[in-house]
Amino acid sequence: MTAGFRILLHCFAGLVLGVCVVFLAIAASLVMAFSTAGDVTIPGVIRIWRSTENGATALNFVPDFVGMGIAVLACAGLYVLLTTLAGRRIRRASESAHSEAAG
């Protein structure tokens, strides 16, 4: 597998991972806001608060889509960086082990 293709796959996996992390953080925030009386805020991503409308509990929220995108890209970038560095380290260790076994 070429290095460019490997990095492209890592980018795709990082984006999927970033979307999942942001989604789970928002879902956890919704649960926290519903179960407590306080406001829940993920700075730059979403602000959620609880209110009462017509005698029923309601959740109000203000999303920040730019902040969500930045959070997804930050997770993806970190994932690509770490997997690329870890892959290089593993390949070097494998090559040195093969050269020691051959010699």
PDB file of N, CA and C in Angstrom:
ATOM      1  N   MET A   1       0.858  -1.170   0.000  1.00  0.00           N
ATOM      2  CA  MET A   1       0.000   0.000   0.000  1.00  0.00           C
ATOM      3  C   MET A   1       0.907   1.237   0.000  1.00  0.00           C
ATOM      4  N   THR A   2       0.638   2.172  -0.873  1.00  0.00           N
ATOM      5  CA  THR A   2       1.466   3.366  -0.960  1.00  0.00           C
ATOM      6  C   THR A   2       1.184   4.297   0.213  1.00  0.00           C
ATOM      7  N   ALA A   3       2.147   5.174   0.485  1.00  0.00           N
ATOM      8  CA  ALA A   3       2.016   6.089   1.623  1.00  0.00           C
ATOM      9  C   ALA A   3       0.858   7.067   1.418  1.00  0.00           C
ATOM     10  N   GLY A   4       0.675   7.543   0.194  1.00  0.00           N
ATOM     11  CA  GLY A   4      -0.417   8.481  -0.074  1.00  0.00           C
ATOM     12  C   GLY A   4      -1.787   7.864   0.143  1.00  0.00           C
ATOM     13  N   PHE A   5      -1.947   6.630  -0.321  1.00  0.00           N
ATOM     14  CA  PHE A   5      -3.219   5.934  -0.134  1.00  0.00           C
ATOM     15  C   PHE A   5      -3.460   5.652   1.343  1.00  0.00           C
ATOM     16  N   ARG A   6      -2.402   5.298   2.060  1.00  0.00           N
ATOM     17  CA  ARG A   6      -2.516   5.028   3.495  1.00  0.00           C
ATOM     18  C   ARG A   6      -2.969   6.294   4.245  1.00  0.00           C
ATOM     19  N   ILE A   7      -2.383   7.433   3.902  1.00  0.00           N
ATOM     20  CA  ILE A   7      -2.764   8.690   4.556  1.00  0.00           C
ATOM     21  C   ILE A   7      -4.201   9.064   4.200  1.00  0.00           C
ATOM     22  N   LEU A   8      -4.608   8.820   2.945  1.00  0.00           N
ATOM     23  CA  LEU A   8      -5.989   9.092   2.538  1.00  0.00           C
ATOM     24  C   LEU A   8      -6.977   8.252   3.347  1.00  0.00           C
ATOM     25  N   LEU A   9      -6.664   6.982   3.551  1.00  0.00           N
ATOM     26  CA  LEU A   9      -7.523   6.126   4.372  1.00  0.00           C
ATOM     27  C   LEU A   9      -7.553   6.600   5.820  1.00  0.00           C
ATOM     28  N   HIS A  10      -6.403   7.036   6.330  1.00  0.00           N
ATOM     29  CA  HIS A  10      -6.365   7.563   7.695  1.00  0.00           C
ATOM     30  C   HIS A  10      -7.200   8.841   7.807  1.00  0.00           C
ATOM     31  N   CYS A  11      -7.185   9.673   6.766  1.00  0.00           N
ATOM     32  CA  CYS A  11      -8.008  10.896   6.777  1.00  0.00           C
ATOM     33  C   CYS A  11      -9.493  10.550   6.830  1.00  0.00           C
ATOM     34  N   PHE A  12      -9.911   9.601   6.020  1.00  0.00           N
ATOM     35  CA  PHE A  12     -11.317   9.192   6.024  1.00  0.00           C
ATOM     36  C   PHE A  12     -11.704   8.612   7.380  1.00  0.00           C
ATOM     37  N   ALA A  13     -10.871   7.733   7.921  1.00  0.00           N
ATOM     38  CA  ALA A  13     -11.154   7.142   9.238  1.00  0.00           C
ATOM     39  C   ALA A  13     -11.175   8.217  10.317  1.00  0.00           C
ATOM     40  N   GLY A  14     -10.286   9.201  10.217  1.00  0.00           N
ATOM     41  CA  GLY A  14     -10.262  10.288  11.185  1.00  0.00           C
ATOM     42  C   GLY A  14     -11.518  11.140  11.132  1.00  0.00           C
ATOM     43  N   LEU A  15     -12.016  11.410   9.922  1.00  0.00           N
ATOM     44  CA  LEU A  15     -13.254  12.181   9.797  1.00  0.00           C
ATOM     45  C   LEU A  15     -14.433  11.428  10.395  1.00  0.00           C
ATOM     46  N   VAL A  16     -14.511  10.130  10.125  1.00  0.00           N
ATOM     47  CA  VAL A  16     -15.593   9.323  10.703  1.00  0.00           C
ATOM     48  C   VAL A  16     -15.484   9.316  12.221  1.00  0.00           C
ATOM     49  N   LEU A  17     -14.272   9.141  12.731  1.00  0.00           N
ATOM     50  CA  LEU A  17     -14.053   9.155  14.175  1.00  0.00           C
ATOM     51  C   LEU A  17     -14.425  10.514  14.774  1.00  0.00           C
ATOM     52  N   GLY A  18     -14.053  11.600  14.103  1.00  0.00           N
ATOM     53  CA  GLY A  18     -14.380  12.935  14.589  1.00  0.00           C
ATOM     54  C   GLY A  18     -15.878  13.186  14.649  1.00  0.00           C
ATOM     55  N   VAL A  19     -16.603  12.757  13.616  1.00  0.00           N
ATOM     56  CA  VAL A  19     -18.062  12.908  13.615  1.00  0.00           C
ATOM     57  C   VAL A  19     -18.674  12.118  14.763  1.00  0.00           C
ATOM     58  N   CYS A  20     -18.185  10.906  14.981  1.00  0.00           N
ATOM     59  CA  CYS A  20     -18.714  10.080  16.079  1.00  0.00           C
ATOM     60  C   CYS A  20     -18.438  10.712  17.437  1.00  0.00           C
ATOM     61  N   VAL A  21     -17.244  11.249  17.630  1.00  0.00           N
ATOM     62  CA  VAL A  21     -16.900  11.882  18.908  1.00  0.00           C
ATOM     63  C   VAL A  21     -17.790  13.094  19.164  1.00  0.00           C
ATOM     64  N   VAL A  22     -17.971  13.948  18.160  1.00  0.00           N
ATOM     65  CA  VAL A  22     -18.815  15.137  18.328  1.00  0.00           C
ATOM     66  C   VAL A  22     -20.265  14.728  18.573  1.00  0.00           C
ATOM     67  N   PHE A  23     -20.764  13.734  17.845  1.00  0.00           N
ATOM     68  CA  PHE A  23     -22.134  13.262  18.042  1.00  0.00           C
ATOM     69  C   PHE A  23     -22.330  12.724  19.458  1.00  0.00           C
ATOM     70  N   LEU A  24     -21.399  11.910  19.937  1.00  0.00           N
ATOM     71  CA  LEU A  24     -21.520  11.360  21.294  1.00  0.00           C
ATOM     72  C   LEU A  24     -21.432  12.454  22.355  1.00  0.00           C
ATOM     73  N   ALA A  25     -20.594  13.454  22.129  1.00  0.00           N
ATOM     74  CA  ALA A  25     -20.497  14.563  23.082  1.00  0.00           C
ATOM     75  C   ALA A  25     -21.809  15.345  23.133  1.00  0.00           C
ATOM     76  N   ILE A  26     -22.426  15.577  21.985  1.00  0.00           N
ATOM     77  CA  ILE A  26     -23.702  16.297  21.952  1.00  0.00           C
ATOM     78  C   ILE A  26     -24.804  15.455  22.587  1.00  0.00           C
ATOM     79  N   ALA A  27     -24.828  14.158  22.309  1.00  0.00           N
ATOM     80  CA  ALA A  27     -25.838  13.281  22.912  1.00  0.00           C
ATOM     81  C   ALA A  27     -25.690  13.254  24.429  1.00  0.00           C
ATOM     82  N   ALA A  28     -24.461  13.166  24.919  1.00  0.00           N
ATOM     83  CA  ALA A  28     -24.235  13.183  26.369  1.00  0.00           C
ATOM     84  C   ALA A  28     -24.656  14.520  26.967  1.00  0.00           C
ATOM     85  N   SER A  29     -24.424  15.606  26.257  1.00  0.00           N
ATOM     86  CA  SER A  29     -24.840  16.924  26.741  1.00  0.00           C
ATOM     87  C   SER A  29     -26.357  17.039  26.807  1.00  0.00           C
ATOM     88  N   LEU A  30     -27.050  16.488  25.821  1.00  0.00           N
ATOM     89  CA  LEU A  30     -28.516  16.502  25.853  1.00  0.00           C
ATOM     90  C   LEU A  30     -29.046  15.724  27.050  1.00  0.00           C
ATOM     91  N   VAL A  31     -28.456  14.572  27.329  1.00  0.00           N
ATOM     92  CA  VAL A  31     -28.879  13.771  28.483  1.00  0.00           C
ATOM     93  C   VAL A  31     -28.604  14.521  29.779  1.00  0.00           C
ATOM     94  N   MET A  32     -27.429  15.148  29.873  1.00  0.00           N
ATOM     95  CA  MET A  32     -27.097  15.904  31.088  1.00  0.00           C
ATOM     96  C   MET A  32     -28.042  17.083  31.278  1.00  0.00           C
ATOM     97  N   ALA A  33     -28.367  17.788  30.207  1.00  0.00           N
ATOM     98  CA  ALA A  33     -29.265  18.936  30.316  1.00  0.00           C
ATOM     99  C   ALA A  33     -30.668  18.502  30.706  1.00  0.00           C
ATOM    100  N   PHE A  34     -31.110  17.358  30.214  1.00  0.00           N
ATOM    101  CA  PHE A  34     -32.447  16.875  30.546  1.00  0.00           C
ATOM    102  C   PHE A  34     -32.517  16.393  31.992  1.00  0.00           C
ATOM    103  N   SER A  35     -31.444  15.765  32.476  1.00  0.00           N
ATOM    104  CA  SER A  35     -31.469  15.192  33.829  1.00  0.00           C
ATOM    105  C   SER A  35     -31.120  16.200  34.913  1.00  0.00           C
ATOM    106  N   THR A  36     -30.525  17.316  34.575  1.00  0.00           N
ATOM    107  CA  THR A  36     -30.206  18.352  35.563  1.00  0.00           C
ATOM    108  C   THR A  36     -30.969  19.619  35.217  1.00  0.00           C
ATOM    109  N   ALA A  37     -30.980  20.539  36.141  1.00  0.00           N
ATOM    110  CA  ALA A  37     -31.693  21.796  35.908  1.00  0.00           C
ATOM    111  C   ALA A  37     -30.781  22.865  35.319  1.00  0.00           C
ATOM    112  N   GLY A  38     -29.493  22.583  35.203  1.00  0.00           N
ATOM    113  CA  GLY A  38     -28.547  23.590  34.742  1.00  0.00           C
ATOM    114  C   GLY A  38     -28.346  23.595  33.243  1.00  0.00           C
ATOM    115  N   ASP A  39     -27.623  24.607  32.801  1.00  0.00           N
ATOM    116  CA  ASP A  39     -27.248  24.712  31.394  1.00  0.00           C
ATOM    117  C   ASP A  39     -26.036  23.824  31.132  1.00  0.00           C
ATOM    118  N   VAL A  40     -25.964  23.295  29.933  1.00  0.00           N
ATOM    119  CA  VAL A  40     -24.803  22.505  29.517  1.00  0.00           C
ATOM    120  C   VAL A  40     -24.246  23.162  28.261  1.00  0.00           C
ATOM    121  N   THR A  41     -22.939  23.416  28.277  1.00  0.00           N
ATOM    122  CA  THR A  41     -22.307  24.075  27.147  1.00  0.00           C
ATOM    123  C   THR A  41     -21.025  23.347  26.776  1.00  0.00           C
ATOM    124  N   ILE A  42     -20.874  23.042  25.519  1.00  0.00           N
ATOM    125  CA  ILE A  42     -19.585  22.629  24.973  1.00  0.00           C
ATOM    126  C   ILE A  42     -19.111  23.856  24.201  1.00  0.00           C
ATOM    127  N   PRO A  43     -18.107  24.560  24.720  1.00  0.00           N
ATOM    128  CA  PRO A  43     -17.711  25.839  24.121  1.00  0.00           C
ATOM    129  C   PRO A  43     -17.402  25.719  22.622  1.00  0.00           C
ATOM    130  N   GLY A  44     -18.043  26.564  21.852  1.00  0.00           N
ATOM    131  CA  GLY A  44     -17.832  26.591  20.417  1.00  0.00           C
ATOM    132  C   GLY A  44     -18.556  25.512  19.650  1.00  0.00           C
ATOM    133  N   VAL A  45     -19.317  24.637  20.336  1.00  0.00           N
ATOM    134  CA  VAL A  45     -20.005  23.544  19.650  1.00  0.00           C
ATOM    135  C   VAL A  45     -21.513  23.638  19.843  1.00  0.00           C
ATOM    136  N   ILE A  46     -21.979  23.670  21.096  1.00  0.00           N
ATOM    137  CA  ILE A  46     -23.421  23.698  21.363  1.00  0.00           C
ATOM    138  C   ILE A  46     -23.677  24.226  22.769  1.00  0.00           C
ATOM    139  N   ARG A  47     -24.826  24.868  22.929  1.00  0.00           N
ATOM    140  CA  ARG A  47     -25.301  25.327  24.246  1.00  0.00           C
ATOM    141  C   ARG A  47     -26.718  24.793  24.411  1.00  0.00           C
ATOM    142  N   ILE A  48     -26.969  24.108  25.543  1.00  0.00           N
ATOM    143  CA  ILE A  48     -28.266  23.466  25.778  1.00  0.00           C
ATOM    144  C   ILE A  48     -28.792  23.911  27.132  1.00  0.00           C
ATOM    145  N   TRP A  49     -30.083  24.241  27.194  1.00  0.00           N
ATOM    146  CA  TRP A  49     -30.704  24.564  28.469  1.00  0.00           C
ATOM    147  C   TRP A  49     -32.111  23.989  28.502  1.00  0.00           C
ATOM    148  N   ARG A  50     -32.588  23.816  29.709  1.00  0.00           N
ATOM    149  CA  ARG A  50     -33.889  23.191  29.939  1.00  0.00           C
ATOM    150  C   ARG A  50     -34.912  24.263  30.287  1.00  0.00           C
ATOM    151  N   SER A  51     -36.122  24.117  29.772  1.00  0.00           N
ATOM    152  CA  SER A  51     -37.202  25.054  30.092  1.00  0.00           C
ATOM    153  C   SER A  51     -38.517  24.280  30.154  1.00  0.00           C
ATOM    154  N   THR A  52     -39.565  24.996  30.555  1.00  0.00           N
ATOM    155  CA  THR A  52     -40.891  24.386  30.625  1.00  0.00           C
ATOM    156  C   THR A  52     -41.819  25.136  29.682  1.00  0.00           C
ATOM    157  N   GLU A  53     -42.490  24.390  28.820  1.00  0.00           N
ATOM    158  CA  GLU A  53     -43.444  24.981  27.890  1.00  0.00           C
ATOM    159  C   GLU A  53     -44.739  24.184  27.951  1.00  0.00           C
ATOM    160  N   ASN A  54     -45.840  24.863  28.238  1.00  0.00           N
ATOM    161  CA  ASN A  54     -47.162  24.237  28.358  1.00  0.00           C
ATOM    162  C   ASN A  54     -47.161  23.101  29.375  1.00  0.00           C
ATOM    163  N   GLY A  55     -46.406  23.283  30.447  1.00  0.00           N
ATOM    164  CA  GLY A  55     -46.358  22.290  31.513  1.00  0.00           C
ATOM    165  C   GLY A  55     -45.456  21.098  31.240  1.00  0.00           C
ATOM    166  N   ALA A  56     -44.779  21.078  30.114  1.00  0.00           N
ATOM    167  CA  ALA A  56     -43.883  19.963  29.780  1.00  0.00           C
ATOM    168  C   ALA A  56     -42.442  20.463  29.713  1.00  0.00           C
ATOM    169  N   THR A  57     -41.534  19.579  30.030  1.00  0.00           N
ATOM    170  CA  THR A  57     -40.118  19.926  29.969  1.00  0.00           C
ATOM    171  C   THR A  57     -39.665  19.962  28.515  1.00  0.00           C
ATOM    172  N   ALA A  58     -38.905  20.995  28.187  1.00  0.00           N
ATOM    173  CA  ALA A  58     -38.386  21.142  26.825  1.00  0.00           C
ATOM    174  C   ALA A  58     -36.894  21.440  26.889  1.00  0.00           C
ATOM    175  N   LEU A  59     -36.177  20.977  25.894  1.00  0.00           N
ATOM    176  CA  LEU A  59     -34.758  21.281  25.769  1.00  0.00           C
ATOM    177  C   LEU A  59     -34.574  22.272  24.632  1.00  0.00           C
ATOM    178  N   ASN A  60     -33.902  23.357  24.926  1.00  0.00           N
ATOM    179  CA  ASN A  60     -33.578  24.357  23.918  1.00  0.00           C
ATOM    180  C   ASN A  60     -32.080  24.276  23.661  1.00  0.00           C
ATOM    181  N   PHE A  61     -31.681  24.485  22.424  1.00  0.00           N
ATOM    182  CA  PHE A  61     -30.256  24.430  22.130  1.00  0.00           C
ATOM    183  C   PHE A  61     -29.905  25.394  21.014  1.00  0.00           C
ATOM    184  N   VAL A  62     -28.649  25.829  21.044  1.00  0.00           N
ATOM    185  CA  VAL A  62     -28.105  26.689  20.004  1.00  0.00           C
ATOM    186  C   VAL A  62     -26.830  26.019  19.500  1.00  0.00           C
ATOM    187  N   PRO A  63     -26.875  25.422  18.312  1.00  0.00           N
ATOM    188  CA  PRO A  63     -25.673  24.774  17.785  1.00  0.00           C
ATOM    189  C   PRO A  63     -24.753  25.779  17.096  1.00  0.00           C
ATOM    190  N   ASP A  64     -23.487  25.462  17.059  1.00  0.00           N
ATOM    191  CA  ASP A  64     -22.506  26.243  16.313  1.00  0.00           C
ATOM    192  C   ASP A  64     -21.860  25.289  15.307  1.00  0.00           C
ATOM    193  N   PHE A  65     -22.329  25.323  14.067  1.00  0.00           N
ATOM    194  CA  PHE A  65     -21.890  24.357  13.064  1.00  0.00           C
ATOM    195  C   PHE A  65     -20.428  24.544  12.677  1.00  0.00           C
ATOM    196  N   VAL A  66     -19.949  25.783  12.701  1.00  0.00           N
ATOM    197  CA  VAL A  66     -18.532  26.020  12.410  1.00  0.00           C
ATOM    198  C   VAL A  66     -17.671  25.376  13.494  1.00  0.00           C
ATOM    199  N   GLY A  67     -18.082  25.549  14.748  1.00  0.00           N
ATOM    200  CA  GLY A  67     -17.346  24.930  15.850  1.00  0.00           C
ATOM    201  C   GLY A  67     -17.372  23.413  15.780  1.00  0.00           C
ATOM    202  N   MET A  68     -18.519  22.853  15.371  1.00  0.00           N
ATOM    203  CA  MET A  68     -18.603  21.395  15.207  1.00  0.00           C
ATOM    204  C   MET A  68     -17.640  20.925  14.120  1.00  0.00           C
ATOM    205  N   GLY A  69     -17.596  21.654  13.028  1.00  0.00           N
ATOM    206  CA  GLY A  69     -16.678  21.295  11.941  1.00  0.00           C
ATOM    207  C   GLY A  69     -15.229  21.372  12.369  1.00  0.00           C
ATOM    208  N   ILE A  70     -14.895  22.407  13.133  1.00  0.00           N
ATOM    209  CA  ILE A  70     -13.526  22.537  13.629  1.00  0.00           C
ATOM    210  C   ILE A  70     -13.191  21.393  14.573  1.00  0.00           C
ATOM    211  N   ALA A  71     -14.139  21.006  15.427  1.00  0.00           N
ATOM    212  CA  ALA A  71     -13.903  19.888  16.347  1.00  0.00           C
ATOM    213  C   ALA A  71     -13.695  18.583  15.578  1.00  0.00           C
ATOM    214  N   VAL A  72     -14.491  18.359  14.536  1.00  0.00           N
ATOM    215  CA  VAL A  72     -14.334  17.147  13.715  1.00  0.00           C
ATOM    216  C   VAL A  72     -12.970  17.150  13.033  1.00  0.00           C
ATOM    217  N   LEU A  73     -12.588  18.287  12.447  1.00  0.00           N
ATOM    218  CA  LEU A  73     -11.295  18.367  11.764  1.00  0.00           C
ATOM    219  C   LEU A  73     -10.129  18.230  12.737  1.00  0.00           C
ATOM    220  N   ALA A  74     -10.277  18.753  13.951  1.00  0.00           N
ATOM    221  CA  ALA A  74      -9.218  18.603  14.956  1.00  0.00           C
ATOM    222  C   ALA A  74      -9.044  17.137  15.344  1.00  0.00           C
ATOM    223  N   CYS A  75     -10.148  16.431  15.547  1.00  0.00           N
ATOM    224  CA  CYS A  75     -10.070  14.990  15.856  1.00  0.00           C
ATOM    225  C   CYS A  75      -9.445  14.229  14.697  1.00  0.00           C
ATOM    226  N   ALA A  76      -9.851  14.555  13.478  1.00  0.00           N
ATOM    227  CA  ALA A  76      -9.311  13.866  12.305  1.00  0.00           C
ATOM    228  C   ALA A  76      -7.820  14.139  12.148  1.00  0.00           C
ATOM    229  N   GLY A  77      -7.418  15.384  12.314  1.00  0.00           N
ATOM    230  CA  GLY A  77      -6.002  15.729  12.193  1.00  0.00           C
ATOM    231  C   GLY A  77      -5.144  15.037  13.233  1.00  0.00           C
ATOM    232  N   LEU A  78      -5.631  15.001  14.454  1.00  0.00           N
ATOM    233  CA  LEU A  78      -4.899  14.317  15.520  1.00  0.00           C
ATOM    234  C   LEU A  78      -4.793  12.825  15.228  1.00  0.00           C
ATOM    235  N   TYR A  79      -5.874  12.226  14.746  1.00  0.00           N
ATOM    236  CA  TYR A  79      -5.861  10.798  14.413  1.00  0.00           C
ATOM    237  C   TYR A  79      -4.861  10.507  13.295  1.00  0.00           C
ATOM    238  N   VAL A  80      -4.864  11.317  12.240  1.00  0.00           N
ATOM    239  CA  VAL A  80      -3.940  11.106  11.122  1.00  0.00           C
ATOM    240  C   VAL A  80      -2.499  11.258  11.591  1.00  0.00           C
ATOM    241  N   LEU A  81      -2.226  12.269  12.382  1.00  0.00           N
ATOM    242  CA  LEU A  81      -0.872  12.492  12.884  1.00  0.00           C
ATOM    243  C   LEU A  81      -0.391  11.317  13.724  1.00  0.00           C
ATOM    244  N   LEU A  82      -1.212  10.880  14.662  1.00  0.00           N
ATOM    245  CA  LEU A  82      -0.800   9.799  15.556  1.00  0.00           C
ATOM    246  C   LEU A  82      -0.655   8.466  14.825  1.00  0.00           C
ATOM    247  N   THR A  83      -1.570   8.156  13.920  1.00  0.00           N
ATOM    248  CA  THR A  83      -1.457   6.879  13.205  1.00  0.00           C
ATOM    249  C   THR A  83      -0.283   6.888  12.233  1.00  0.00           C
ATOM    250  N   THR A  84       0.012   8.028  11.631  1.00  0.00           N
ATOM    251  CA  THR A  84       1.160   8.118  10.730  1.00  0.00           C
ATOM    252  C   THR A  84       2.460   7.946  11.499  1.00  0.00           C
ATOM    253  N   LEU A  85       2.583   8.626  12.636  1.00  0.00           N
ATOM    254  CA  LEU A  85       3.796   8.489  13.448  1.00  0.00           C
ATOM    255  C   LEU A  85       3.936   7.085  14.013  1.00  0.00           C
ATOM    256  N   ALA A  86       2.841   6.501  14.462  1.00  0.00           N
ATOM    257  CA  ALA A  86       2.890   5.140  15.005  1.00  0.00           C
ATOM    258  C   ALA A  86       3.238   4.145  13.903  1.00  0.00           C
ATOM    259  N   GLY A  87       2.720   4.344  12.710  1.00  0.00           N
ATOM    260  CA  GLY A  87       3.030   3.451  11.597  1.00  0.00           C
ATOM    261  C   GLY A  87       4.498   3.488  11.230  1.00  0.00           C
ATOM    262  N   ARG A  88       5.100   4.670  11.246  1.00  0.00           N
ATOM    263  CA  ARG A  88       6.529   4.782  10.953  1.00  0.00           C
ATOM    264  C   ARG A  88       7.350   4.058  12.008  1.00  0.00           C
ATOM    265  N   ARG A  89       6.975   4.226  13.262  1.00  0.00           N
ATOM    266  CA  ARG A  89       7.708   3.582  14.350  1.00  0.00           C
ATOM    267  C   ARG A  89       7.614   2.061  14.233  1.00  0.00           C
ATOM    268  N   ILE A  90       6.439   1.562  13.919  1.00  0.00           N
ATOM    269  CA  ILE A  90       6.253   0.112  13.788  1.00  0.00           C
ATOM    270  C   ILE A  90       7.041  -0.423  12.595  1.00  0.00           C
ATOM    271  N   ARG A  91       7.035   0.303  11.464  1.00  0.00           N
ATOM    272  CA  ARG A  91       7.794  -0.152  10.295  1.00  0.00           C
ATOM    273  C   ARG A  91       9.289  -0.169  10.579  1.00  0.00           C
ATOM    274  N   ARG A  92       9.803   0.858  11.285  1.00  0.00           N
ATOM    275  CA  ARG A  92      11.228   0.876  11.632  1.00  0.00           C
ATOM    276  C   ARG A  92      11.589  -0.289  12.536  1.00  0.00           C
ATOM    277  N   ALA A  93      10.758  -0.561  13.523  1.00  0.00           N
ATOM    278  CA  ALA A  93      11.025  -1.674  14.434  1.00  0.00           C
ATOM    279  C   ALA A  93      10.980  -2.998  13.684  1.00  0.00           C
ATOM    280  N   SER A  94      10.061  -3.131  12.763  1.00  0.00           N
ATOM    281  CA  SER A  94       9.947  -4.359  11.981  1.00  0.00           C
ATOM    282  C   SER A  94      11.165  -4.547  11.079  1.00  0.00           C
ATOM    283  N   GLU A  95      11.606  -3.457  10.438  1.00  0.00           N
ATOM    284  CA  GLU A  95      12.778  -3.544   9.566  1.00  0.00           C
ATOM    285  C   GLU A  95      14.032  -3.886  10.352  1.00  0.00           C
ATOM    286  N   SER A  96      14.201  -3.296  11.527  1.00  0.00           N
ATOM    287  CA  SER A  96      15.389  -3.599  12.331  1.00  0.00           C
ATOM    288  C   SER A  96      15.338  -5.030  12.856  1.00  0.00           C
ATOM    289  N   ALA A  97      14.167  -5.540  13.163  1.00  0.00           N
ATOM    290  CA  ALA A  97      14.050  -6.926  13.619  1.00  0.00           C
ATOM    291  C   ALA A  97      14.374  -7.891  12.482  1.00  0.00           C
ATOM    292  N   HIS A  98      13.946  -7.554  11.260  1.00  0.00           N
ATOM    293  CA  HIS A  98      14.241  -8.414  10.112  1.00  0.00           C
ATOM    294  C   HIS A  98      15.729  -8.385   9.774  1.00  0.00           C
ATOM    295  N   SER A  99      16.357  -7.226   9.893  1.00  0.00           N
ATOM    296  CA  SER A  99      17.784  -7.142   9.576  1.00  0.00           C
ATOM    297  C   SER A  99      18.624  -7.871  10.624  1.00  0.00           C
ATOM    298  N   GLU A 100      18.210  -7.855  11.887  1.00  0.00           N
ATOM    299  CA  GLU A 100      18.927  -8.590  12.928  1.00  0.00           C
ATOM    300  C   GLU A 100      18.766 -10.092  12.738  1.00  0.00           C
ATOM    301  N   ALA A 101      17.588 -10.521  12.313  1.00  0.00           N
ATOM    302  CA  ALA A 101      17.344 -11.947  12.102  1.00  0.00           C
ATOM    303  C   ALA A 101      18.129 -12.458  10.892  1.00  0.00           C
ATOM    304  N   ALA A 102      18.294 -11.616   9.876  1.00  0.00           N
ATOM    305  CA  ALA A 102      19.020 -12.025   8.675  1.00  0.00           C
ATOM    306  C   ALA A 102      20.527 -12.049   8.918  1.00  0.00           C
ATOM    307  N   GLY A 103      21.008 -11.194   9.815  1.00  0.00           N
ATOM    308  CA  GLY A 103      22.458 -11.061  10.021  1.00  0.00           C
ATOM    309  C   GLY A 103      23.015 -11.910  11.063  1.00  0.00           C
TER     310      GLY A 103
END
